[in-house]
Amino acid sequence: MGIYREHHRGDGRAGYAGADGSRYGNRKCSGKNRAGFRKLKKHNTLILISPWLLTLLIFWAFPIVYSLGLSFTNYSIFGKTSFVGFANFIKLFSDSSFLQALKNTSFFVFGTIPFTTVIALILAVLIAEKVPGHKIFQAGYFIPSITSMVVIALIFSSLYARDGYLHILGRLAGIDVPANGYLFSISTALPAIMVMDIWVAIGYYVLLFLAGIKSIPIEINEAAKLDGAGFWRRLYSVTLPQITPILLFILVINTIRSFQVFIEIYVMTKGGPLGSTSTVVYFVFEQGLQKFNMGYASAAAYLLFVIILGFSLLQMKLLARRGSVN
């Protein structure tokens, strides 16, 4: 199948040429033929994107629509299916396991986002100021972001264990550490996972902040320096106002990512001890793939979707308002 391109001859008549410009270049082409070639080009485009389109439909669109239907049923692999309306959604609000998971997820989201954002911003500013060794730091901060979360979770599990380095350092520092390790205590398991998550996520946001800071015209910072503005003053009055759209974008994607925390929980604690680290996504996994309550799991997933959508729309509204000001 050849590749055709349309061209106009010197006498005003249109023709079609092959990729080498020779085979069809001098052939007079009627309106019917032109329509045929355009139709062929359109079909070529559909053929080229068909693998991506099929993947999207089979693995994204169909599961989304199908799970929405399941959320209104009591579908289970081992039982009869019937329509239950909003019963699954109502049941969620009286399910202590789901409410615990929702509470843990909220604690995780609001406990990690501020630290992740502020630390990433400070590191990006320091790198932009070209502190000694900034290139090494820039690469070092990003390495955790491209490392498998499973690998990182296993490493931190060993560090948090009873005979792990962090546990030993805690004892040497005189801190009242849990006897069986950080991940086996109700009070320290979730905070320990949050610390690891902050460490992992910072690198990606440092790069985003750095891109925003680099886009600020140098003249603005130079003028601020001439006026006697110090580091913190320039950060507050020059840098932050200039990178506000990027800051809000990071808040949006960080919020979505934090609400969907799962791998760390599955690898490190499996929701324990006593449900103290169970999150909403882990609750969906338990109900759907361990207890096979697909309808109930779908309802929990869609409730989480509504929560994330609400937060995202709120933040996008703030972003749009800021954009209109600028």
Protein backbone atom coordinates (compact mmCIF):
# COMPACT_ATOMS: atom_id res chain seq x y z
CA MET A 1 0.00 0.00 0.00
CA GLY A 2 1.57 3.27 -1.11
CA ILE A 3 1.72 6.63 0.58
CA TYR A 4 0.14 9.42 -1.45
CA ARG A 5 0.39 13.15 -1.26
CA GLU A 6 -1.65 15.78 -3.09
CA HIS A 7 0.06 18.46 -5.17
CA HIS A 8 -0.97 21.20 -7.59
CA ARG A 9 0.45 21.42 -11.04
CA GLY A 10 1.37 24.60 -12.82
CA ASP A 11 -1.84 24.55 -14.92
CA GLY A 12 -4.00 24.57 -11.78
CA ARG A 13 -4.99 20.92 -11.96
CA ALA A 14 -4.54 18.76 -8.89
CA GLY A 15 -2.71 15.46 -8.97
CA TYR A 16 -1.41 12.80 -6.62
CA ALA A 17 2.15 11.63 -6.26
CA GLY A 18 3.71 8.64 -4.56
CA ALA A 19 6.22 8.92 -1.75
CA ASP A 20 9.02 9.17 -4.35
CA GLY A 21 7.08 11.81 -6.29
CA SER A 22 7.29 9.93 -9.59
CA ARG A 23 4.64 7.29 -10.07
CA TYR A 24 1.47 9.37 -9.92
CA GLY A 25 2.93 12.87 -10.24
CA ASN A 26 1.91 13.48 -13.87
CA ARG A 27 -1.39 11.65 -13.85
CA LYS A 28 -4.52 13.73 -14.24
CA CYS A 29 -6.79 13.01 -11.31
CA SER A 30 -10.57 13.39 -11.41
CA GLY A 31 -12.74 14.48 -8.48
CA LYS A 32 -13.84 10.88 -7.97
CA ASN A 33 -10.24 9.73 -7.71
CA ARG A 34 -9.37 12.50 -5.24
CA ALA A 35 -12.25 11.44 -3.01
CA GLY A 36 -11.02 7.86 -3.24
CA PHE A 37 -7.49 8.81 -2.20
CA ARG A 38 -8.78 10.87 0.74
CA LYS A 39 -10.93 7.95 1.84
CA LEU A 40 -7.88 5.69 1.64
CA LYS A 41 -5.85 8.12 3.76
CA LYS A 42 -8.63 8.20 6.33
CA HIS A 43 -8.71 4.40 6.45
CA ASN A 44 -4.94 4.32 6.86
CA THR A 45 -5.25 6.58 9.89
CA LEU A 46 -7.87 4.32 11.47
CA ILE A 47 -5.74 1.25 10.84
CA LEU A 48 -2.70 2.88 12.44
CA ILE A 49 -4.52 3.92 15.62
CA SER A 50 -6.61 0.76 15.87
CA PRO A 51 -4.26 -1.05 18.35
CA TRP A 52 -4.39 1.89 20.75
CA LEU A 53 -8.14 2.31 20.21
CA LEU A 54 -8.87 -1.37 20.87
CA THR A 55 -6.72 -1.33 24.01
CA LEU A 56 -8.55 1.75 25.26
CA LEU A 57 -11.97 0.23 24.63
CA ILE A 58 -11.22 -3.24 26.03
CA PHE A 59 -9.08 -2.41 29.06
CA TRP A 60 -10.36 1.07 30.02
CA ALA A 61 -13.77 2.02 28.67
CA PHE A 62 -15.46 -1.37 29.00
CA PRO A 63 -14.32 -2.04 32.63
CA ILE A 64 -15.41 1.45 33.67
CA VAL A 65 -18.91 1.05 32.25
CA TYR A 66 -19.22 -2.58 33.34
CA SER A 67 -18.16 -1.86 36.95
CA LEU A 68 -20.70 0.97 37.09
CA GLY A 69 -23.40 -1.55 36.27
CA LEU A 70 -22.01 -4.01 38.84
CA SER A 71 -22.14 -1.39 41.58
CA PHE A 72 -25.96 -1.59 41.45
CA THR A 73 -26.03 -5.38 41.79
CA ASN A 74 -25.03 -7.99 44.34
CA TYR A 75 -22.86 -9.73 41.76
CA SER A 76 -20.60 -12.41 43.18
CA ILE A 77 -18.75 -15.14 41.33
CA PHE A 78 -20.37 -17.85 43.45
CA GLY A 79 -23.94 -16.56 43.71
CA LYS A 80 -26.94 -15.32 41.77
CA THR A 81 -26.95 -11.74 40.59
CA SER A 82 -29.82 -9.35 41.14
CA PHE A 83 -30.34 -5.61 40.92
CA VAL A 84 -30.09 -3.94 44.36
CA GLY A 85 -30.17 -0.27 43.43
CA PHE A 86 -28.21 1.96 45.82
CA ALA A 87 -28.08 -0.69 48.56
CA ASN A 88 -24.32 -1.20 48.14
CA PHE A 89 -23.63 2.52 48.50
CA ILE A 90 -25.86 2.77 51.58
CA LYS A 91 -24.20 -0.26 53.12
CA LEU A 92 -20.77 1.32 52.73
CA PHE A 93 -21.64 4.13 55.15
CA SER A 94 -22.50 1.61 57.88
CA ASP A 95 -19.52 -0.69 57.19
CA SER A 96 -16.92 -0.13 59.90
CA SER A 97 -14.16 -1.61 57.71
CA PHE A 98 -14.88 0.83 54.90
CA LEU A 99 -15.15 3.79 57.26
CA GLN A 100 -11.81 2.81 58.80
CA ALA A 101 -10.29 2.57 55.32
CA LEU A 102 -11.75 5.96 54.39
CA LYS A 103 -10.36 7.49 57.59
CA ASN A 104 -6.91 6.00 56.95
CA THR A 105 -6.96 7.22 53.34
CA SER A 106 -7.88 10.76 54.41
CA PHE A 107 -5.12 10.72 57.04
CA PHE A 108 -2.67 9.52 54.40
CA VAL A 109 -3.72 12.17 51.86
CA PHE A 110 -3.69 15.17 54.19
CA GLY A 111 -0.60 13.91 56.01
CA THR A 112 1.60 13.48 52.94
CA ILE A 113 0.58 16.23 50.51
CA PRO A 114 1.82 19.23 52.58
CA PHE A 115 5.20 17.64 53.31
CA THR A 116 5.67 16.39 49.76
CA THR A 117 4.84 19.76 48.24
CA VAL A 118 6.84 21.95 50.62
CA ILE A 119 9.97 19.78 50.66
CA ALA A 120 9.92 19.42 46.86
CA LEU A 121 9.56 23.19 46.46
CA ILE A 122 12.46 23.96 48.79
CA LEU A 123 14.72 21.40 47.09
CA ALA A 124 13.82 22.75 43.64
CA VAL A 125 14.65 26.30 44.73
CA LEU A 126 17.98 25.18 46.18
CA ILE A 127 18.85 23.34 42.95
CA ALA A 128 17.84 26.40 40.91
CA GLU A 129 20.12 28.51 43.11
CA LYS A 130 22.91 26.11 42.07
CA VAL A 131 24.01 25.02 45.50
CA PRO A 132 27.25 22.98 45.46
CA GLY A 133 26.59 19.52 43.99
CA HIS A 134 23.13 20.50 42.72
CA LYS A 135 23.39 18.26 39.64
CA ILE A 136 24.11 15.20 41.77
CA PHE A 137 21.21 16.08 44.10
CA GLN A 138 18.91 16.58 41.10
CA ALA A 139 19.60 13.06 39.84
CA GLY A 140 19.56 11.56 43.33
CA TYR A 141 16.16 12.95 44.24
CA PHE A 142 14.59 11.53 41.07
CA ILE A 143 15.97 7.97 41.37
CA PRO A 144 13.27 6.83 43.88
CA SER A 145 10.56 8.05 41.47
CA ILE A 146 11.72 5.69 38.72
CA THR A 147 12.36 2.73 41.01
CA SER A 148 9.71 0.04 41.39
CA MET A 149 7.44 0.73 44.34
CA VAL A 150 7.50 -2.96 45.21
CA VAL A 151 11.29 -2.89 45.53
CA ILE A 152 11.21 0.26 47.65
CA ALA A 153 8.47 -1.16 49.87
CA LEU A 154 10.49 -4.34 50.48
CA ILE A 155 13.60 -2.32 51.34
CA PHE A 156 11.71 -0.14 53.80
CA SER A 157 10.02 -3.20 55.30
CA SER A 158 13.45 -4.51 56.25
CA LEU A 159 14.51 -1.10 57.58
CA TYR A 160 11.36 -0.85 59.74
CA ALA A 161 11.66 -4.43 61.05
CA ARG A 162 12.55 -5.27 64.65
CA ASP A 163 16.20 -5.83 63.71
CA GLY A 164 16.21 -3.18 60.95
CA TYR A 165 18.57 -0.21 60.87
CA LEU A 166 15.89 2.39 61.55
CA HIS A 167 14.63 0.41 64.53
CA ILE A 168 18.15 0.07 65.91
CA LEU A 169 18.86 3.78 65.39
CA GLY A 170 15.63 4.63 67.19
CA ARG A 171 16.65 2.56 70.19
CA LEU A 172 20.15 4.10 70.23
CA ALA A 173 18.59 7.58 70.13
CA GLY A 174 16.47 6.73 73.17
CA ILE A 175 13.17 6.80 71.26
CA ASP A 176 10.35 4.59 72.50
CA VAL A 177 10.21 2.30 69.46
CA PRO A 178 7.66 -0.54 68.99
CA ALA A 179 9.02 -3.86 70.25
CA ASN A 180 8.16 -5.77 67.04
CA GLY A 181 9.06 -3.07 64.54
CA TYR A 182 7.32 0.00 63.16
CA LEU A 183 4.98 -1.91 60.83
CA PHE A 184 3.53 -4.09 63.58
CA SER A 185 2.25 -1.27 65.77
CA ILE A 186 -1.13 0.39 65.26
CA SER A 187 0.27 3.81 66.14
CA THR A 188 3.35 3.72 63.87
CA ALA A 189 2.47 1.50 60.87
CA LEU A 190 0.63 4.08 58.75
CA PRO A 191 3.00 7.00 59.62
CA ALA A 192 5.96 4.78 58.68
CA ILE A 193 4.41 4.11 55.24
CA MET A 194 3.65 7.81 54.82
CA VAL A 195 7.30 8.73 55.48
CA MET A 196 8.40 6.30 52.78
CA ASP A 197 5.79 7.64 50.35
CA ILE A 198 6.94 11.22 50.89
CA TRP A 199 10.54 10.19 50.18
CA VAL A 200 9.51 8.40 46.98
CA ALA A 201 7.25 11.13 45.59
CA ILE A 202 9.47 14.15 46.18
CA GLY A 203 11.78 13.64 43.17
CA TYR A 204 9.05 13.89 40.55
CA TYR A 205 7.63 17.08 42.01
CA VAL A 206 11.12 18.58 42.34
CA LEU A 207 11.48 18.31 38.57
CA LEU A 208 8.09 19.94 37.98
CA PHE A 209 8.88 22.80 40.34
CA LEU A 210 12.32 23.18 38.78
CA ALA A 211 10.80 23.49 35.31
CA GLY A 212 8.50 26.24 36.61
CA ILE A 213 11.31 28.10 38.36
CA LYS A 214 13.52 27.92 35.26
CA SER A 215 10.74 29.55 33.24
CA ILE A 216 10.79 32.69 35.41
CA PRO A 217 12.62 35.52 33.58
CA ILE A 218 16.05 36.12 35.10
CA GLU A 219 15.48 39.89 35.05
CA ILE A 220 12.77 39.61 37.71
CA ASN A 221 15.05 37.86 40.20
CA GLU A 222 17.94 40.19 39.38
CA ALA A 223 15.74 43.22 39.99
CA ALA A 224 14.62 41.77 43.32
CA LYS A 225 18.25 41.20 44.34
CA LEU A 226 19.14 44.80 43.45
CA ASP A 227 16.27 45.92 45.67
CA GLY A 228 17.84 44.01 48.53
CA ALA A 229 15.41 41.08 48.65
CA GLY A 230 16.91 38.04 50.36
CA PHE A 231 16.38 34.38 49.59
CA TRP A 232 13.12 33.93 51.54
CA ARG A 233 11.71 37.26 50.37
CA ARG A 234 12.34 36.35 46.71
CA LEU A 235 10.85 32.92 47.31
CA TYR A 236 7.65 34.39 48.75
CA SER A 237 7.25 37.48 46.54
CA VAL A 238 8.76 36.38 43.21
CA THR A 239 8.99 32.62 42.86
CA LEU A 240 5.69 31.50 44.38
CA PRO A 241 3.46 33.94 42.44
CA GLN A 242 5.18 32.97 39.18
CA ILE A 243 4.79 29.20 39.65
CA THR A 244 1.28 29.17 41.13
CA PRO A 245 -0.24 27.26 38.14
CA ILE A 246 2.40 24.54 38.50
CA LEU A 247 1.88 24.48 42.26
CA LEU A 248 -1.85 23.88 41.81
CA PHE A 249 -1.22 21.27 39.11
CA ILE A 250 1.07 19.40 41.52
CA LEU A 251 -1.58 19.56 44.23
CA VAL A 252 -4.14 18.03 41.87
CA ILE A 253 -2.03 15.11 40.68
CA ASN A 254 -0.60 14.56 44.18
CA THR A 255 -4.11 14.37 45.62
CA ILE A 256 -5.24 11.83 43.01
CA ARG A 257 -2.13 9.72 43.52
CA SER A 258 -2.44 9.77 47.32
CA PHE A 259 -6.11 8.73 47.28
CA GLN A 260 -5.13 5.71 45.19
CA VAL A 261 -2.37 4.41 47.47
CA PHE A 262 -2.27 0.61 47.30
CA ILE A 263 1.05 -1.04 46.42
CA GLU A 264 2.80 0.10 49.59
CA ILE A 265 -0.07 -1.17 51.72
CA TYR A 266 -0.27 -4.53 49.95
CA VAL A 267 3.47 -5.21 50.11
CA MET A 268 4.25 -3.89 53.59
CA THR A 269 1.24 -4.54 55.85
CA LYS A 270 -1.74 -5.92 53.87
CA GLY A 271 -3.96 -3.51 55.75
CA GLY A 272 -2.77 -4.51 59.22
CA PRO A 273 -2.30 -4.46 62.07
CA LEU A 274 -6.04 -4.55 62.86
CA GLY A 275 -6.94 -2.51 59.79
CA SER A 276 -4.81 0.46 60.86
CA THR A 277 -3.25 0.77 57.37
CA SER A 278 -6.19 -0.34 55.23
CA THR A 279 -7.09 2.20 52.55
CA VAL A 280 -10.10 2.49 50.25
CA VAL A 281 -8.29 0.95 47.26
CA TYR A 282 -7.09 -1.90 49.47
CA PHE A 283 -10.68 -2.34 50.70
CA VAL A 284 -11.82 -2.59 47.06
CA PHE A 285 -9.11 -5.18 46.41
CA GLU A 286 -10.18 -7.22 49.44
CA GLN A 287 -13.87 -7.16 48.57
CA GLY A 288 -13.44 -7.75 44.84
CA LEU A 289 -10.51 -10.14 44.47
CA GLN A 290 -10.38 -11.89 47.84
CA LYS A 291 -14.02 -12.09 48.92
CA PHE A 292 -15.38 -11.88 45.31
CA ASN A 293 -18.07 -9.33 46.20
CA MET A 294 -17.69 -7.58 42.87
CA GLY A 295 -20.82 -5.46 43.16
CA TYR A 296 -19.90 -4.17 46.61
CA ALA A 297 -16.29 -3.54 45.55
CA SER A 298 -17.48 -1.62 42.48
CA ALA A 299 -19.67 0.59 44.65
CA ALA A 300 -16.70 1.40 46.91
CA ALA A 301 -14.55 2.16 43.87
CA TYR A 302 -17.14 4.54 42.45
CA LEU A 303 -17.55 6.28 45.77
CA LEU A 304 -13.80 6.87 45.82
CA PHE A 305 -14.07 8.12 42.24
CA VAL A 306 -16.67 10.68 43.28
CA ILE A 307 -14.48 11.85 46.19
CA ILE A 308 -11.42 12.24 43.96
CA LEU A 309 -13.49 13.98 41.28
CA GLY A 310 -14.82 16.45 43.86
CA PHE A 311 -11.34 17.33 45.11
CA SER A 312 -9.98 17.58 41.57
CA LEU A 313 -12.78 19.88 40.38
CA LEU A 314 -12.26 22.09 43.43
CA GLN A 315 -8.56 22.38 42.75
CA MET A 316 -9.09 22.89 39.02
CA LYS A 317 -11.51 25.69 39.84
CA LEU A 318 -8.82 27.34 41.91
CA LEU A 319 -6.38 26.83 39.04
CA ALA A 320 -8.76 28.39 36.52
CA ARG A 321 -9.41 31.35 38.84
CA ARG A 322 -5.68 31.93 39.18
CA GLY A 323 -5.28 31.70 35.41
CA SER A 324 -7.95 34.34 34.86
CA VAL A 325 -6.13 36.67 37.27
CA ASN A 326 -2.91 36.27 35.33
